[in-house]
């Protein structure tokens, strides 16, 4: 399924919305670029027909939520972010994100939209934990996760082939700060997660102020 549309009212003014037919060409061109797919799981190119079918598939899906990322004054999508493999019983999922137009790299789009996704996951879907993976050389993506309160909980050593050699896959986990005590009950929140939970709470409170389309989250931890 697609996530509900809303706009992040910051300097970049980023809109997160469902994908449209007008996004297909940009999707195909972006995800056919090796520069873009470098750190994604698949490095194969894609066609416009493939992306058109993908949009239809996502619309019918029931265990993932996908948004197009439209920053600034752009009319068409320049990125994609999603919550995948949603488990209703465990209140968990995995997160994927790609800015497929390099012109928008390094401007905070990924970090900001990821914060908004966590806010949506907290307020709308009541998810308790999310996880994400990053290839070892992809430091910007790792930093974006850490800024949003993720914790590195492990790695798969030498498990992916990139740039002529095997690389580690780093594994990160996010804990919903409003359910952290319940998640770890009857034990206290592990020291590994203490600062990250506080940071996540702060980020969610900050993003709430600039997403007028969503209900404010004013709970305390």
N, C-alpha and C. Protein backbone atom coordinates (compact mmCIF):
# COMPACT_ATOMS: atom_id res chain seq x y z
N UNK A 1 0.85 -1.19 0.00
CA UNK A 1 0.00 0.00 0.00
C UNK A 1 0.88 1.24 0.00
N UNK A 2 0.28 2.36 -0.31
CA UNK A 2 1.00 3.62 -0.24
C UNK A 2 0.63 4.35 1.05
N UNK A 3 1.61 5.07 1.59
CA UNK A 3 1.34 5.86 2.78
C UNK A 3 0.53 7.10 2.43
N UNK A 4 -0.14 7.65 3.42
CA UNK A 4 -0.91 8.87 3.20
C UNK A 4 0.02 10.02 2.86
N UNK A 5 -0.47 10.97 2.09
CA UNK A 5 0.35 12.10 1.66
C UNK A 5 0.44 13.15 2.76
N UNK A 6 1.65 13.67 2.95
CA UNK A 6 1.85 14.81 3.84
C UNK A 6 3.12 15.54 3.43
N UNK A 7 3.25 16.77 3.90
CA UNK A 7 4.40 17.60 3.55
C UNK A 7 5.17 17.99 4.80
N UNK A 8 6.48 17.88 4.71
CA UNK A 8 7.37 18.30 5.80
C UNK A 8 7.71 19.76 5.55
N UNK A 9 7.22 20.63 6.41
CA UNK A 9 7.36 22.07 6.19
C UNK A 9 8.66 22.60 6.79
N UNK A 10 9.78 22.16 6.19
CA UNK A 10 11.08 22.70 6.58
C UNK A 10 11.66 23.47 5.40
N UNK A 11 12.95 23.79 5.43
CA UNK A 11 13.55 24.57 4.34
C UNK A 11 13.44 23.85 3.00
N UNK A 12 13.49 22.52 3.04
CA UNK A 12 13.42 21.75 1.80
C UNK A 12 11.98 21.56 1.31
N UNK A 13 11.03 21.63 2.24
CA UNK A 13 9.62 21.39 1.93
C UNK A 13 9.45 20.09 1.13
N UNK A 14 9.58 18.98 1.83
CA UNK A 14 9.54 17.66 1.21
C UNK A 14 8.13 17.08 1.32
N UNK A 15 7.59 16.64 0.20
CA UNK A 15 6.30 15.96 0.19
C UNK A 15 6.52 14.46 0.07
N UNK A 16 5.83 13.70 0.93
CA UNK A 16 5.82 12.24 0.84
C UNK A 16 4.42 11.84 0.41
N UNK A 17 4.32 11.14 -0.69
CA UNK A 17 3.01 10.83 -1.29
C UNK A 17 3.07 9.51 -2.04
N UNK A 18 1.91 9.00 -2.48
CA UNK A 18 1.90 7.81 -3.34
C UNK A 18 2.59 8.10 -4.68
N UNK A 19 3.12 7.07 -5.31
CA UNK A 19 3.70 7.23 -6.63
C UNK A 19 2.61 7.42 -7.67
N UNK A 20 2.95 8.15 -8.74
CA UNK A 20 2.04 8.44 -9.84
C UNK A 20 2.64 7.96 -11.16
N UNK A 21 1.81 7.93 -12.19
CA UNK A 21 2.30 7.54 -13.51
C UNK A 21 3.42 8.46 -13.98
N UNK A 22 3.35 9.73 -13.60
CA UNK A 22 4.36 10.69 -14.05
C UNK A 22 5.73 10.42 -13.42
N UNK A 23 5.78 9.56 -12.38
CA UNK A 23 7.05 9.24 -11.73
C UNK A 23 7.78 8.09 -12.40
N UNK A 24 7.11 7.39 -13.30
CA UNK A 24 7.66 6.14 -13.84
C UNK A 24 8.98 6.35 -14.55
N UNK A 25 9.08 7.37 -15.41
CA UNK A 25 10.31 7.60 -16.17
C UNK A 25 11.49 7.87 -15.22
N UNK A 26 11.28 8.71 -14.24
CA UNK A 26 12.35 9.02 -13.29
C UNK A 26 12.77 7.80 -12.48
N UNK A 27 11.78 6.97 -12.09
CA UNK A 27 12.09 5.73 -11.39
C UNK A 27 12.97 4.82 -12.23
N UNK A 28 12.58 4.63 -13.48
CA UNK A 28 13.33 3.73 -14.36
C UNK A 28 14.74 4.25 -14.62
N UNK A 29 14.85 5.54 -14.87
CA UNK A 29 16.17 6.11 -15.12
C UNK A 29 17.04 6.07 -13.87
N UNK A 30 16.46 6.42 -12.74
CA UNK A 30 17.25 6.45 -11.50
C UNK A 30 17.71 5.07 -11.08
N UNK A 31 16.80 4.10 -11.08
CA UNK A 31 17.15 2.77 -10.61
C UNK A 31 17.85 1.93 -11.68
N UNK A 32 18.10 2.50 -12.85
CA UNK A 32 18.94 1.83 -13.84
C UNK A 32 20.37 2.35 -13.78
N UNK A 33 20.60 3.35 -12.94
CA UNK A 33 21.93 3.93 -12.81
C UNK A 33 22.76 3.13 -11.81
N UNK A 34 23.95 2.72 -12.22
CA UNK A 34 24.82 1.98 -11.30
C UNK A 34 25.22 2.85 -10.12
N UNK A 35 25.37 4.14 -10.35
CA UNK A 35 25.72 5.06 -9.27
C UNK A 35 24.66 5.03 -8.17
N UNK A 36 23.41 4.94 -8.57
CA UNK A 36 22.30 4.90 -7.60
C UNK A 36 22.19 3.53 -6.96
N UNK A 37 22.31 2.48 -7.77
CA UNK A 37 22.09 1.11 -7.27
C UNK A 37 23.32 0.54 -6.57
N UNK A 38 24.37 1.31 -6.53
CA UNK A 38 25.66 0.84 -6.00
C UNK A 38 25.52 0.13 -4.66
N UNK A 39 24.74 0.72 -3.74
CA UNK A 39 24.61 0.15 -2.41
C UNK A 39 23.25 -0.49 -2.15
N UNK A 40 22.49 -0.71 -3.22
CA UNK A 40 21.22 -1.43 -3.08
C UNK A 40 21.46 -2.92 -3.29
N UNK A 41 20.51 -3.73 -2.87
CA UNK A 41 20.71 -5.18 -2.94
C UNK A 41 20.86 -5.66 -4.37
N UNK A 42 20.08 -5.11 -5.29
CA UNK A 42 20.16 -5.51 -6.69
C UNK A 42 20.83 -4.41 -7.49
N UNK A 43 21.71 -4.79 -8.42
CA UNK A 43 22.39 -3.78 -9.24
C UNK A 43 21.97 -3.87 -10.70
N UNK A 44 20.87 -4.54 -10.97
CA UNK A 44 20.38 -4.64 -12.34
C UNK A 44 19.57 -3.42 -12.72
N UNK A 45 19.50 -3.14 -14.01
CA UNK A 45 18.69 -2.03 -14.50
C UNK A 45 17.22 -2.41 -14.57
N UNK A 46 16.36 -1.41 -14.73
CA UNK A 46 14.92 -1.66 -14.80
C UNK A 46 14.31 -0.85 -15.93
N UNK A 47 13.17 -1.30 -16.41
CA UNK A 47 12.47 -0.61 -17.49
C UNK A 47 11.30 0.19 -16.94
N UNK A 48 10.73 1.05 -17.78
CA UNK A 48 9.54 1.80 -17.37
C UNK A 48 8.38 0.84 -17.11
N UNK A 49 8.28 -0.20 -17.92
CA UNK A 49 7.21 -1.18 -17.72
C UNK A 49 7.35 -1.86 -16.36
N UNK A 50 8.58 -2.19 -16.00
CA UNK A 50 8.82 -2.82 -14.69
C UNK A 50 8.35 -1.91 -13.57
N UNK A 51 8.72 -0.63 -13.65
CA UNK A 51 8.34 0.31 -12.59
C UNK A 51 6.84 0.55 -12.56
N UNK A 52 6.21 0.55 -13.71
CA UNK A 52 4.75 0.72 -13.76
C UNK A 52 4.06 -0.47 -13.10
N UNK A 53 4.56 -1.67 -13.36
CA UNK A 53 4.01 -2.86 -12.71
C UNK A 53 4.28 -2.83 -11.21
N UNK A 54 5.46 -2.34 -10.83
CA UNK A 54 5.82 -2.26 -9.41
C UNK A 54 4.86 -1.35 -8.66
N UNK A 55 4.51 -0.22 -9.24
CA UNK A 55 3.57 0.70 -8.60
C UNK A 55 2.22 0.01 -8.38
N UNK A 56 1.75 -0.73 -9.36
CA UNK A 56 0.49 -1.44 -9.22
C UNK A 56 0.57 -2.52 -8.15
N UNK A 57 1.72 -3.19 -8.07
CA UNK A 57 1.92 -4.22 -7.07
C UNK A 57 1.89 -3.63 -5.66
N UNK A 58 2.58 -2.50 -5.48
CA UNK A 58 2.63 -1.86 -4.16
C UNK A 58 1.24 -1.42 -3.73
N UNK A 59 0.46 -0.92 -4.64
CA UNK A 59 -0.88 -0.45 -4.31
C UNK A 59 -1.75 -1.56 -3.73
N UNK A 60 -1.48 -2.81 -4.14
CA UNK A 60 -2.28 -3.95 -3.68
C UNK A 60 -1.66 -4.64 -2.47
N UNK A 61 -0.45 -4.28 -2.12
CA UNK A 61 0.24 -4.95 -1.01
C UNK A 61 -0.40 -4.59 0.33
N UNK A 62 -0.32 -5.51 1.28
CA UNK A 62 -0.91 -5.29 2.60
C UNK A 62 0.12 -5.30 3.73
N UNK A 63 1.39 -5.61 3.42
CA UNK A 63 2.38 -5.67 4.50
C UNK A 63 3.56 -4.75 4.26
N UNK A 64 3.36 -3.71 3.46
CA UNK A 64 4.39 -2.69 3.28
C UNK A 64 3.72 -1.35 2.99
N UNK A 65 4.43 -0.28 3.36
CA UNK A 65 3.93 1.08 3.16
C UNK A 65 5.02 1.85 2.41
N UNK A 66 4.67 2.43 1.28
CA UNK A 66 5.65 3.06 0.41
C UNK A 66 5.27 4.50 0.12
N UNK A 67 6.27 5.37 0.09
CA UNK A 67 6.07 6.77 -0.29
C UNK A 67 7.04 7.17 -1.39
N UNK A 68 6.59 8.02 -2.28
CA UNK A 68 7.48 8.76 -3.17
C UNK A 68 7.97 9.98 -2.40
N UNK A 69 9.23 10.33 -2.61
CA UNK A 69 9.83 11.50 -1.98
C UNK A 69 9.95 12.60 -3.02
N UNK A 70 9.28 13.72 -2.77
CA UNK A 70 9.28 14.84 -3.72
C UNK A 70 9.80 16.08 -3.00
N UNK A 71 11.08 16.41 -3.16
CA UNK A 71 11.66 17.55 -2.43
C UNK A 71 11.54 18.87 -3.18
N UNK A 72 11.54 19.95 -2.42
CA UNK A 72 11.59 21.28 -3.01
C UNK A 72 10.45 21.56 -3.97
N UNK A 73 10.80 22.17 -5.09
CA UNK A 73 9.80 22.53 -6.10
C UNK A 73 9.64 21.47 -7.17
N UNK A 74 10.20 20.29 -6.95
CA UNK A 74 10.08 19.21 -7.93
C UNK A 74 8.62 18.78 -8.08
N UNK A 75 8.26 18.33 -9.27
CA UNK A 75 6.91 17.82 -9.50
C UNK A 75 6.86 16.31 -9.41
N UNK A 76 7.97 15.66 -9.78
CA UNK A 76 8.01 14.20 -9.77
C UNK A 76 8.94 13.68 -8.67
N UNK A 77 8.77 12.41 -8.35
CA UNK A 77 9.53 11.79 -7.26
C UNK A 77 11.02 11.78 -7.56
N UNK A 78 11.82 11.98 -6.51
CA UNK A 78 13.27 11.91 -6.58
C UNK A 78 13.84 10.85 -5.65
N UNK A 79 12.93 10.20 -4.93
CA UNK A 79 13.35 9.15 -4.01
C UNK A 79 12.18 8.29 -3.61
N UNK A 80 12.51 7.25 -2.85
CA UNK A 80 11.50 6.30 -2.39
C UNK A 80 11.86 5.86 -0.98
N UNK A 81 10.87 5.75 -0.10
CA UNK A 81 11.10 5.27 1.25
C UNK A 81 9.95 4.36 1.63
N UNK A 82 10.25 3.32 2.41
CA UNK A 82 9.21 2.33 2.69
C UNK A 82 9.43 1.60 4.00
N UNK A 83 8.33 1.13 4.56
CA UNK A 83 8.34 0.17 5.65
C UNK A 83 7.91 -1.16 5.05
N UNK A 84 8.76 -2.17 5.16
CA UNK A 84 8.50 -3.45 4.51
C UNK A 84 8.34 -4.56 5.54
N UNK A 85 7.82 -5.68 5.09
CA UNK A 85 7.70 -6.89 5.92
C UNK A 85 7.05 -6.58 7.27
N UNK A 86 5.95 -5.83 7.25
CA UNK A 86 5.28 -5.46 8.49
C UNK A 86 4.67 -6.70 9.14
N UNK A 87 5.01 -6.90 10.40
CA UNK A 87 4.50 -8.02 11.18
C UNK A 87 3.55 -7.46 12.22
N UNK A 88 2.26 -7.68 12.04
CA UNK A 88 1.26 -7.11 12.95
C UNK A 88 1.38 -7.66 14.36
N UNK A 89 1.75 -8.92 14.50
CA UNK A 89 1.83 -9.51 15.84
C UNK A 89 3.04 -9.01 16.60
N UNK A 90 4.16 -8.85 15.92
CA UNK A 90 5.38 -8.37 16.57
C UNK A 90 5.49 -6.85 16.53
N UNK A 91 4.58 -6.18 15.80
CA UNK A 91 4.62 -4.72 15.64
C UNK A 91 5.98 -4.28 15.13
N UNK A 92 6.48 -4.96 14.09
CA UNK A 92 7.82 -4.69 13.58
C UNK A 92 7.81 -4.59 12.07
N UNK A 93 8.93 -4.15 11.51
CA UNK A 93 9.08 -4.06 10.08
C UNK A 93 10.51 -3.72 9.73
N UNK A 94 10.80 -3.64 8.45
CA UNK A 94 12.11 -3.22 7.98
C UNK A 94 11.95 -1.95 7.16
N UNK A 95 13.02 -1.18 7.05
CA UNK A 95 12.95 0.10 6.35
C UNK A 95 13.93 0.11 5.18
N UNK A 96 13.48 0.66 4.06
CA UNK A 96 14.34 0.86 2.90
C UNK A 96 14.18 2.27 2.37
N UNK A 97 15.26 2.85 1.88
CA UNK A 97 15.19 4.21 1.33
C UNK A 97 16.23 4.37 0.23
N UNK A 98 15.86 5.10 -0.80
CA UNK A 98 16.81 5.41 -1.87
C UNK A 98 16.43 6.76 -2.47
N UNK A 99 17.39 7.65 -2.54
CA UNK A 99 17.23 8.90 -3.30
C UNK A 99 17.82 8.62 -4.66
N UNK A 100 16.97 8.48 -5.68
CA UNK A 100 17.47 8.02 -6.97
C UNK A 100 17.86 9.15 -7.91
N UNK A 101 17.80 10.39 -7.45
CA UNK A 101 18.33 11.52 -8.21
C UNK A 101 19.53 12.07 -7.43
N UNK A 102 20.76 11.82 -7.90
CA UNK A 102 21.97 12.25 -7.17
C UNK A 102 22.03 13.75 -6.91
N UNK A 103 21.26 14.53 -7.66
CA UNK A 103 21.27 15.98 -7.44
C UNK A 103 20.77 16.32 -6.03
N UNK A 104 20.02 15.40 -5.41
CA UNK A 104 19.48 15.64 -4.08
C UNK A 104 20.25 14.93 -2.98
N UNK A 105 21.37 14.33 -3.31
CA UNK A 105 22.19 13.69 -2.30
C UNK A 105 22.88 14.74 -1.42
N UNK A 106 23.09 14.41 -0.17
CA UNK A 106 23.85 15.27 0.72
C UNK A 106 23.13 16.51 1.19
N UNK A 107 21.81 16.58 1.01
CA UNK A 107 21.05 17.76 1.42
C UNK A 107 20.10 17.49 2.59
N UNK A 108 20.22 16.31 3.17
CA UNK A 108 19.40 15.99 4.33
C UNK A 108 18.04 15.41 4.00
N UNK A 109 17.79 15.11 2.73
CA UNK A 109 16.48 14.59 2.34
C UNK A 109 16.23 13.21 2.95
N UNK A 110 17.24 12.34 2.89
CA UNK A 110 17.07 10.98 3.42
C UNK A 110 16.86 11.01 4.93
N UNK A 111 17.67 11.80 5.64
CA UNK A 111 17.55 11.85 7.10
C UNK A 111 16.19 12.39 7.52
N UNK A 112 15.74 13.45 6.87
CA UNK A 112 14.47 14.08 7.24
C UNK A 112 13.27 13.20 6.93
N UNK A 113 13.26 12.60 5.74
CA UNK A 113 12.13 11.74 5.40
C UNK A 113 12.11 10.49 6.28
N UNK A 114 13.29 10.05 6.68
CA UNK A 114 13.33 8.88 7.58
C UNK A 114 12.74 9.24 8.94
N UNK A 115 13.01 10.44 9.43
CA UNK A 115 12.39 10.89 10.68
C UNK A 115 10.88 10.92 10.54
N UNK A 116 10.41 11.44 9.40
CA UNK A 116 8.96 11.49 9.17
C UNK A 116 8.36 10.10 9.10
N UNK A 117 9.07 9.17 8.49
CA UNK A 117 8.59 7.79 8.44
C UNK A 117 8.45 7.21 9.85
N UNK A 118 9.42 7.48 10.72
CA UNK A 118 9.36 6.98 12.09
C UNK A 118 8.18 7.61 12.84
N UNK A 119 7.92 8.87 12.56
CA UNK A 119 6.77 9.54 13.16
C UNK A 119 5.47 8.87 12.71
N UNK A 120 5.37 8.58 11.42
CA UNK A 120 4.20 7.90 10.87
C UNK A 120 4.06 6.50 11.47
N UNK A 121 5.19 5.81 11.58
CA UNK A 121 5.18 4.46 12.16
C UNK A 121 4.70 4.49 13.60
N UNK A 122 5.02 5.58 14.32
CA UNK A 122 4.64 5.69 15.73
C UNK A 122 3.19 6.10 15.90
N UNK A 123 2.74 7.08 15.13
CA UNK A 123 1.42 7.67 15.35
C UNK A 123 0.31 6.96 14.61
N UNK A 124 0.61 6.40 13.44
CA UNK A 124 -0.43 5.81 12.60
C UNK A 124 -0.46 4.27 12.72
N UNK A 125 0.73 3.65 12.68
CA UNK A 125 0.78 2.19 12.65
C UNK A 125 1.17 1.57 13.98
N UNK A 126 1.58 2.37 14.93
CA UNK A 126 1.92 1.84 16.26
C UNK A 126 2.95 0.71 16.17
N UNK A 127 3.95 0.89 15.32
CA UNK A 127 5.02 -0.10 15.23
C UNK A 127 6.00 0.10 16.37
N UNK A 128 6.54 -0.98 16.89
CA UNK A 128 7.40 -0.91 18.07
C UNK A 128 8.88 -0.97 17.73
N UNK A 129 9.22 -1.73 16.70
CA UNK A 129 10.63 -1.83 16.30
C UNK A 129 10.74 -1.84 14.78
N UNK A 130 11.82 -1.26 14.28
CA UNK A 130 12.13 -1.29 12.86
C UNK A 130 13.62 -1.61 12.71
N UNK A 131 13.96 -2.24 11.61
CA UNK A 131 15.36 -2.56 11.36
C UNK A 131 15.75 -2.13 9.95
N UNK A 132 17.05 -1.93 9.76
CA UNK A 132 17.57 -1.53 8.45
C UNK A 132 18.98 -2.07 8.31
N UNK A 133 19.40 -2.29 7.07
CA UNK A 133 20.75 -2.76 6.81
C UNK A 133 21.47 -1.80 5.88
N UNK A 134 22.79 -1.72 6.05
CA UNK A 134 23.62 -0.81 5.25
C UNK A 134 24.91 -1.53 4.90
N UNK A 135 25.32 -1.43 3.64
CA UNK A 135 26.61 -1.99 3.26
C UNK A 135 27.74 -1.18 3.92
N UNK A 136 28.78 -1.84 4.33
CA UNK A 136 29.87 -1.23 5.10
C UNK A 136 30.39 0.09 4.50
N UNK A 137 30.63 0.19 3.19
CA UNK A 137 31.19 1.45 2.68
C UNK A 137 30.21 2.62 2.66
N UNK A 138 28.92 2.36 2.85
CA UNK A 138 27.90 3.40 2.69
C UNK A 138 27.75 4.19 4.00
N UNK A 139 28.71 5.04 4.28
CA UNK A 139 28.72 5.78 5.53
C UNK A 139 27.59 6.80 5.64
N UNK A 140 27.21 7.53 4.57
CA UNK A 140 26.12 8.49 4.70
C UNK A 140 24.81 7.86 5.18
N UNK A 141 24.49 6.67 4.65
CA UNK A 141 23.25 6.01 5.08
C UNK A 141 23.33 5.59 6.54
N UNK A 142 24.49 5.12 6.95
CA UNK A 142 24.66 4.73 8.36
C UNK A 142 24.50 5.93 9.27
N UNK A 143 25.07 7.06 8.88
CA UNK A 143 24.95 8.28 9.69
C UNK A 143 23.49 8.73 9.79
N UNK A 144 22.75 8.61 8.69
CA UNK A 144 21.33 9.00 8.70
C UNK A 144 20.53 8.15 9.69
N UNK A 145 20.85 6.87 9.77
CA UNK A 145 20.17 6.00 10.73
C UNK A 145 20.52 6.38 12.16
N UNK A 146 21.80 6.60 12.42
CA UNK A 146 22.23 6.94 13.78
C UNK A 146 21.63 8.26 14.24
N UNK A 147 21.48 9.21 13.33
CA UNK A 147 20.87 10.50 13.68
C UNK A 147 19.41 10.34 14.08
N UNK A 148 18.78 9.27 13.63
CA UNK A 148 17.36 9.05 13.93
C UNK A 148 17.14 8.09 15.09
N UNK A 149 18.19 7.77 15.81
CA UNK A 149 18.03 6.94 16.99
C UNK A 149 18.13 5.45 16.76
N UNK A 150 18.65 5.04 15.61
CA UNK A 150 18.93 3.63 15.39
C UNK A 150 20.20 3.24 16.14
N UNK A 151 20.31 1.97 16.44
CA UNK A 151 21.50 1.42 17.09
C UNK A 151 22.04 0.29 16.21
N UNK A 152 23.35 0.27 16.04
CA UNK A 152 23.95 -0.85 15.31
C UNK A 152 23.99 -2.06 16.23
N UNK A 153 23.31 -3.12 15.84
CA UNK A 153 23.18 -4.29 16.72
C UNK A 153 23.96 -5.51 16.21
N UNK A 154 24.57 -5.39 15.04
CA UNK A 154 25.35 -6.51 14.55
C UNK A 154 25.76 -6.29 13.10
N UNK A 155 26.40 -7.29 12.54
CA UNK A 155 26.78 -7.22 11.13
C UNK A 155 26.96 -8.62 10.56
N UNK A 156 26.71 -8.71 9.28
CA UNK A 156 26.96 -9.94 8.53
C UNK A 156 28.32 -9.76 7.85
N UNK A 157 29.30 -10.48 8.31
CA UNK A 157 30.66 -10.27 7.85
C UNK A 157 30.89 -10.83 6.44
N UNK A 158 31.50 -9.98 5.61
CA UNK A 158 31.91 -10.37 4.26
C UNK A 158 30.79 -11.08 3.51
N UNK A 159 29.60 -10.50 3.55
CA UNK A 159 28.43 -11.20 3.02
C UNK A 159 27.92 -10.66 1.70
N UNK A 160 28.44 -9.52 1.23
CA UNK A 160 28.01 -8.97 -0.05
C UNK A 160 29.23 -8.56 -0.87
N UNK A 161 29.15 -8.79 -2.18
CA UNK A 161 30.26 -8.46 -3.07
C UNK A 161 30.03 -7.10 -3.69
N UNK A 162 30.89 -6.15 -3.41
CA UNK A 162 30.79 -4.79 -3.94
C UNK A 162 32.19 -4.26 -4.25
N UNK A 163 32.32 -3.55 -5.37
CA UNK A 163 33.58 -2.88 -5.74
C UNK A 163 34.77 -3.83 -5.77
N UNK A 164 34.52 -5.04 -6.22
CA UNK A 164 35.62 -5.98 -6.39
C UNK A 164 36.03 -6.74 -5.15
N UNK A 165 35.29 -6.59 -4.05
CA UNK A 165 35.65 -7.32 -2.84
C UNK A 165 34.41 -7.56 -1.98
N UNK A 166 34.52 -8.46 -1.03
CA UNK A 166 33.43 -8.74 -0.11
C UNK A 166 33.35 -7.65 0.95
N UNK A 167 32.13 -7.29 1.32
CA UNK A 167 31.91 -6.23 2.31
C UNK A 167 30.93 -6.69 3.37
N UNK A 168 31.06 -6.11 4.57
CA UNK A 168 30.13 -6.40 5.65
C UNK A 168 28.80 -5.70 5.41
N UNK A 169 27.75 -6.27 5.96
CA UNK A 169 26.43 -5.63 6.00
C UNK A 169 26.15 -5.29 7.46
N UNK A 170 25.98 -4.00 7.74
CA UNK A 170 25.71 -3.54 9.10
C UNK A 170 24.21 -3.58 9.37
N UNK A 171 23.83 -4.04 10.55
CA UNK A 171 22.43 -4.20 10.92
C UNK A 171 22.07 -3.19 12.01
N UNK A 172 21.02 -2.41 11.77
CA UNK A 172 20.59 -1.37 12.70
C UNK A 172 19.16 -1.65 13.16
N UNK A 173 18.86 -1.21 14.39
CA UNK A 173 17.50 -1.38 14.93
C UNK A 173 17.03 -0.10 15.60
N UNK A 174 15.76 0.22 15.36
CA UNK A 174 15.12 1.38 16.00
C UNK A 174 14.07 0.88 16.98
N UNK A 175 14.05 1.47 18.16
CA UNK A 175 13.07 1.14 19.19
C UNK A 175 12.13 2.33 19.36
N UNK A 176 10.83 2.08 19.25
CA UNK A 176 9.84 3.14 19.47
C UNK A 176 9.99 3.65 20.90
N UNK A 177 10.34 4.92 21.08
CA UNK A 177 10.61 5.42 22.44
C UNK A 177 9.40 5.39 23.36
N UNK A 178 8.19 5.37 22.79
CA UNK A 178 6.99 5.37 23.60
C UNK A 178 6.60 3.97 24.08
N UNK A 179 7.31 2.97 23.59
CA UNK A 179 7.05 1.59 24.02
C UNK A 179 8.32 0.90 24.51
N UNK A 180 9.40 1.66 24.66
CA UNK A 180 10.69 1.04 24.98
C UNK A 180 10.65 0.23 26.28
N UNK A 181 10.05 0.79 27.33
CA UNK A 181 10.01 0.08 28.60
C UNK A 181 9.20 -1.21 28.48
N UNK A 182 8.11 -1.16 27.73
CA UNK A 182 7.29 -2.36 27.56
C UNK A 182 8.01 -3.40 26.73
N UNK A 183 8.75 -2.95 25.71
CA UNK A 183 9.47 -3.87 24.84
C UNK A 183 10.46 -4.70 25.62
N UNK A 184 11.16 -4.06 26.55
CA UNK A 184 12.22 -4.76 27.28
C UNK A 184 11.77 -5.31 28.64
N UNK A 185 10.50 -5.06 29.00
CA UNK A 185 9.97 -5.55 30.27
C UNK A 185 10.11 -7.07 30.38
N UNK A 186 10.51 -7.60 31.54
CA UNK A 186 10.64 -6.93 32.86
C UNK A 186 12.03 -6.36 33.12
N UNK A 187 12.91 -6.43 32.12
CA UNK A 187 14.25 -5.88 32.28
C UNK A 187 14.27 -4.39 31.96
N UNK A 188 15.25 -3.66 32.48
CA UNK A 188 15.36 -2.24 32.11
C UNK A 188 15.82 -2.10 30.66
N UNK A 189 15.64 -0.92 30.11
CA UNK A 189 16.13 -0.66 28.75
C UNK A 189 17.64 -0.86 28.73
N UNK A 190 18.17 -1.70 27.84
CA UNK A 190 19.62 -1.94 27.81
C UNK A 190 20.40 -0.65 27.59
N UNK A 191 21.56 -0.58 28.17
CA UNK A 191 22.40 0.61 28.04
C UNK A 191 22.69 0.93 26.58
N UNK A 192 22.78 -0.11 25.77
CA UNK A 192 23.05 0.07 24.34
C UNK A 192 22.01 0.97 23.69
N UNK A 193 20.75 0.92 24.19
CA UNK A 193 19.65 1.66 23.56
C UNK A 193 19.26 2.93 24.31
N UNK A 194 19.79 3.16 25.48
CA UNK A 194 19.32 4.27 26.32
C UNK A 194 19.40 5.62 25.61
N UNK A 195 20.58 5.98 25.13
CA UNK A 195 20.75 7.28 24.46
C UNK A 195 19.97 7.33 23.16
N UNK A 196 19.91 6.23 22.44
CA UNK A 196 19.20 6.20 21.15
C UNK A 196 17.71 6.42 21.34
N UNK A 197 17.14 5.85 22.40
CA UNK A 197 15.71 6.04 22.67
C UNK A 197 15.42 7.51 22.97
N UNK A 198 16.29 8.14 23.74
CA UNK A 198 16.12 9.56 24.05
C UNK A 198 16.25 10.41 22.79
N UNK A 199 17.23 10.07 21.96
CA UNK A 199 17.43 10.81 20.70
C UNK A 199 16.22 10.65 19.78
N UNK A 200 15.69 9.45 19.68
CA UNK A 200 14.53 9.21 18.84
C UNK A 200 13.34 10.01 19.32
N UNK A 201 13.14 10.04 20.63
CA UNK A 201 12.04 10.83 21.19
C UNK A 201 12.19 12.30 20.81
N UNK A 202 13.40 12.82 20.90
CA UNK A 202 13.65 14.22 20.55
C UNK A 202 13.37 14.48 19.07
N UNK A 203 13.82 13.56 18.21
CA UNK A 203 13.61 13.73 16.77
C UNK A 203 12.11 13.69 16.42
N UNK A 204 11.37 12.81 17.07
CA UNK A 204 9.94 12.72 16.79
C UNK A 204 9.20 13.98 17.22
N UNK A 205 9.60 14.55 18.36
CA UNK A 205 8.97 15.77 18.83
C UNK A 205 9.27 16.94 17.88
N UNK A 206 10.49 16.97 17.35
CA UNK A 206 10.88 18.05 16.44
C UNK A 206 10.15 17.94 15.10
N UNK A 207 10.06 16.72 14.56
CA UNK A 207 9.42 16.56 13.25
C UNK A 207 7.92 16.83 13.35
N UNK A 208 7.33 16.55 14.52
CA UNK A 208 5.89 16.77 14.70
C UNK A 208 5.50 18.23 14.47
N UNK A 209 6.43 19.13 14.75
CA UNK A 209 6.14 20.56 14.63
C UNK A 209 6.09 21.03 13.18
N UNK A 210 6.65 20.22 12.26
CA UNK A 210 6.72 20.67 10.85
C UNK A 210 5.97 19.73 9.92
N UNK A 211 5.09 18.90 10.48
CA UNK A 211 4.21 18.07 9.64
C UNK A 211 2.77 18.39 10.03
N UNK A 212 2.23 19.50 9.56
CA UNK A 212 0.88 19.91 9.97
C UNK A 212 -0.21 18.96 9.50
N UNK A 213 0.08 18.12 8.49
CA UNK A 213 -0.95 17.22 7.97
C UNK A 213 -1.22 16.03 8.89
N UNK A 214 -0.30 15.77 9.82
CA UNK A 214 -0.46 14.64 10.73
C UNK A 214 -0.76 15.14 12.14
N UNK A 215 -1.42 14.31 12.91
CA UNK A 215 -1.76 14.69 14.28
C UNK A 215 -0.49 14.84 15.11
N UNK A 216 -0.45 15.83 16.00
CA UNK A 216 0.75 16.03 16.82
C UNK A 216 0.92 14.91 17.83
N UNK A 217 2.18 14.56 18.08
CA UNK A 217 2.51 13.53 19.06
C UNK A 217 3.16 14.21 20.25
N UNK A 218 2.44 14.28 21.37
CA UNK A 218 2.92 15.03 22.52
C UNK A 218 3.14 14.14 23.74
N UNK A 219 3.26 12.85 23.52
CA UNK A 219 3.47 11.95 24.64
C UNK A 219 4.88 12.05 25.17
N UNK A 220 5.04 11.69 26.41
CA UNK A 220 6.35 11.71 27.05
C UNK A 220 6.81 10.27 27.28
N UNK A 221 8.12 10.13 27.47
CA UNK A 221 8.65 8.79 27.77
C UNK A 221 9.21 8.80 29.18
